[in-house]
Amino acid sequence: MKILQSVVVKQVLTENSKEKLLYSYEGKKQMLQKECDQLRFELKKLERTKKFPSSSLKTHFEKEINIRQEKVKLIDFQIEQLEILPLGSELAEQNIQSIVEINVGDDWNKLSNERMIIVKDGIIKEIR
């Protein structure tokens, strides 16, 4: 019988991967800030048309802007944590599904242990 099992993919933090993560975080942060600017622009544009009630319109847009600002704060926190982490640390990158063959008589405890794939600079270094 075959079953699906979750496998954690972890990335070993190297100078190269740290640089890529920082670049990725900065890109996401800039995108969120542009979205906030765009939402503010759209709010002003819609307020001038006076087709919608100003208070509900403003509340809706402020809610969307606040959601994005919270995401920016989270990214800032992630950047701070990344700066603190020593090289060689393992960061959980993603979860994937793996097909595992099971048979009568197999040790369930061994099969049910969490499996991991360790990646260093894009190359699989270890399967646990």
Protein backbone atom coordinates (compact mmCIF):
# COMPACT_ATOMS: atom_id res chain seq x y z
CA MET A 1 0.00 0.00 0.00
CA LYS A 2 1.15 3.53 -0.66
CA ILE A 3 0.40 6.53 1.55
CA LEU A 4 1.17 10.24 1.36
CA GLN A 5 3.49 11.66 3.98
CA SER A 6 4.49 15.27 4.63
CA VAL A 7 8.17 16.04 4.19
CA VAL A 8 9.73 19.26 5.50
CA VAL A 9 12.24 20.92 3.19
CA LYS A 10 14.84 22.87 5.15
CA GLN A 11 17.39 25.26 3.74
CA VAL A 12 20.84 25.60 5.28
CA LEU A 13 21.62 29.28 5.74
CA THR A 14 24.71 30.29 3.77
CA GLU A 15 25.98 33.70 2.72
CA ASN A 16 24.42 33.14 -0.70
CA SER A 17 21.02 31.95 0.59
CA LYS A 18 20.94 34.74 3.17
CA GLU A 19 21.50 37.30 0.42
CA LYS A 20 18.71 35.75 -1.69
CA LEU A 21 16.30 35.73 1.25
CA LEU A 22 17.04 39.37 2.07
CA TYR A 23 16.52 40.29 -1.58
CA SER A 24 13.22 38.37 -1.60
CA TYR A 25 12.02 40.04 1.62
CA GLU A 26 12.94 43.49 0.32
CA GLY A 27 11.06 42.80 -2.93
CA LYS A 28 7.94 41.71 -1.06
CA LYS A 29 8.19 44.75 1.19
CA GLN A 30 8.45 47.13 -1.78
CA MET A 31 5.49 45.45 -3.47
CA LEU A 32 3.34 45.86 -0.34
CA GLN A 33 4.34 49.51 -0.01
CA LYS A 34 3.40 50.12 -3.66
CA GLU A 35 0.03 48.46 -3.01
CA CYS A 36 -0.54 50.80 -0.05
CA ASP A 37 0.30 53.81 -2.22
CA GLN A 38 -2.03 52.54 -4.94
CA LEU A 39 -4.85 52.02 -2.44
CA ARG A 40 -4.41 55.57 -1.12
CA PHE A 41 -4.50 56.90 -4.68
CA GLU A 42 -7.65 54.90 -5.49
CA LEU A 43 -9.30 56.14 -2.28
CA LYS A 44 -8.67 59.78 -3.20
CA LYS A 45 -9.89 59.16 -6.72
CA LEU A 46 -13.12 57.54 -5.51
CA GLU A 47 -13.68 60.24 -2.88
CA ARG A 48 -13.62 62.86 -5.62
CA THR A 49 -16.30 61.06 -7.65
CA LYS A 50 -18.67 61.10 -4.64
CA LYS A 51 -20.50 58.00 -5.91
CA PHE A 52 -19.93 56.10 -2.68
CA PRO A 53 -20.43 57.09 0.98
CA SER A 54 -17.15 58.57 2.11
CA SER A 55 -17.03 56.99 5.57
CA SER A 56 -17.60 53.38 4.48
CA LEU A 57 -15.24 53.83 1.56
CA LYS A 58 -12.51 55.18 3.78
CA THR A 59 -13.04 52.39 6.35
CA HIS A 60 -12.72 49.71 3.66
CA PHE A 61 -9.55 51.19 2.17
CA GLU A 62 -7.96 51.79 5.58
CA LYS A 63 -8.61 48.15 6.47
CA GLU A 64 -6.83 46.99 3.30
CA ILE A 65 -3.93 49.38 3.90
CA ASN A 66 -3.59 48.19 7.51
CA ILE A 67 -3.48 44.54 6.37
CA ARG A 68 -0.57 45.36 4.07
CA GLN A 69 1.21 47.43 6.72
CA GLU A 70 1.00 44.47 9.11
CA LYS A 71 2.58 42.30 6.45
CA VAL A 72 5.38 44.87 6.09
CA LYS A 73 5.95 44.73 9.86
CA LEU A 74 6.14 40.93 9.67
CA ILE A 75 8.69 41.14 6.86
CA ASP A 76 10.74 43.64 8.89
CA PHE A 77 10.70 41.17 11.79
CA GLN A 78 11.78 38.34 9.47
CA ILE A 79 14.66 40.48 8.18
CA GLU A 80 15.75 41.20 11.78
CA GLN A 81 15.65 37.50 12.62
CA LEU A 82 17.58 36.61 9.48
CA GLU A 83 20.33 39.06 10.44
CA ILE A 84 20.60 37.40 13.88
CA LEU A 85 20.72 33.79 12.62
CA PRO A 86 24.20 32.27 12.33
CA LEU A 87 25.32 30.72 9.07
CA GLY A 88 24.63 26.98 9.02
CA SER A 89 21.19 27.33 10.62
CA GLU A 90 18.40 25.28 9.09
CA LEU A 91 15.31 27.21 7.99
CA ALA A 92 12.04 25.44 7.20
CA GLU A 93 11.33 26.44 3.63
CA GLN A 94 8.27 24.42 2.64
CA ASN A 95 6.30 21.22 3.13
CA ILE A 96 5.87 18.75 0.31
CA GLN A 97 4.06 15.43 -0.03
CA SER A 98 5.90 12.17 -0.58
CA ILE A 99 4.55 8.74 -1.50
CA VAL A 100 5.68 6.06 0.96
CA GLU A 101 5.29 2.33 0.43
CA ILE A 102 4.03 0.51 3.53
CA ASN A 103 3.64 -3.20 4.10
CA VAL A 104 2.34 -5.49 6.81
CA GLY A 105 5.06 -5.87 9.45
CA ASP A 106 6.65 -2.42 8.88
CA ASP A 107 7.59 -0.41 11.96
CA TRP A 108 4.91 2.30 12.12
CA ASN A 109 6.99 4.48 14.47
CA LYS A 110 9.79 4.68 11.91
CA LEU A 111 7.36 5.43 9.10
CA SER A 112 5.47 8.09 11.01
CA ASN A 113 8.57 10.04 12.06
CA GLU A 114 8.85 13.41 10.38
CA ARG A 115 10.99 13.25 7.27
CA MET A 116 13.19 16.07 6.08
CA ILE A 117 15.13 17.13 3.03
CA ILE A 118 18.10 19.40 3.72
CA VAL A 119 19.05 21.77 0.89
CA LYS A 120 22.21 23.88 0.75
CA ASP A 121 22.53 26.49 -2.00
CA GLY A 122 19.93 24.68 -4.13
CA ILE A 123 21.51 21.23 -3.82
CA ILE A 124 20.04 18.39 -1.74
CA LYS A 125 22.63 17.58 0.93
CA GLU A 126 20.74 15.14 3.12
CA ILE A 127 17.48 13.21 3.38
CA ARG A 128 16.48 12.36 6.93
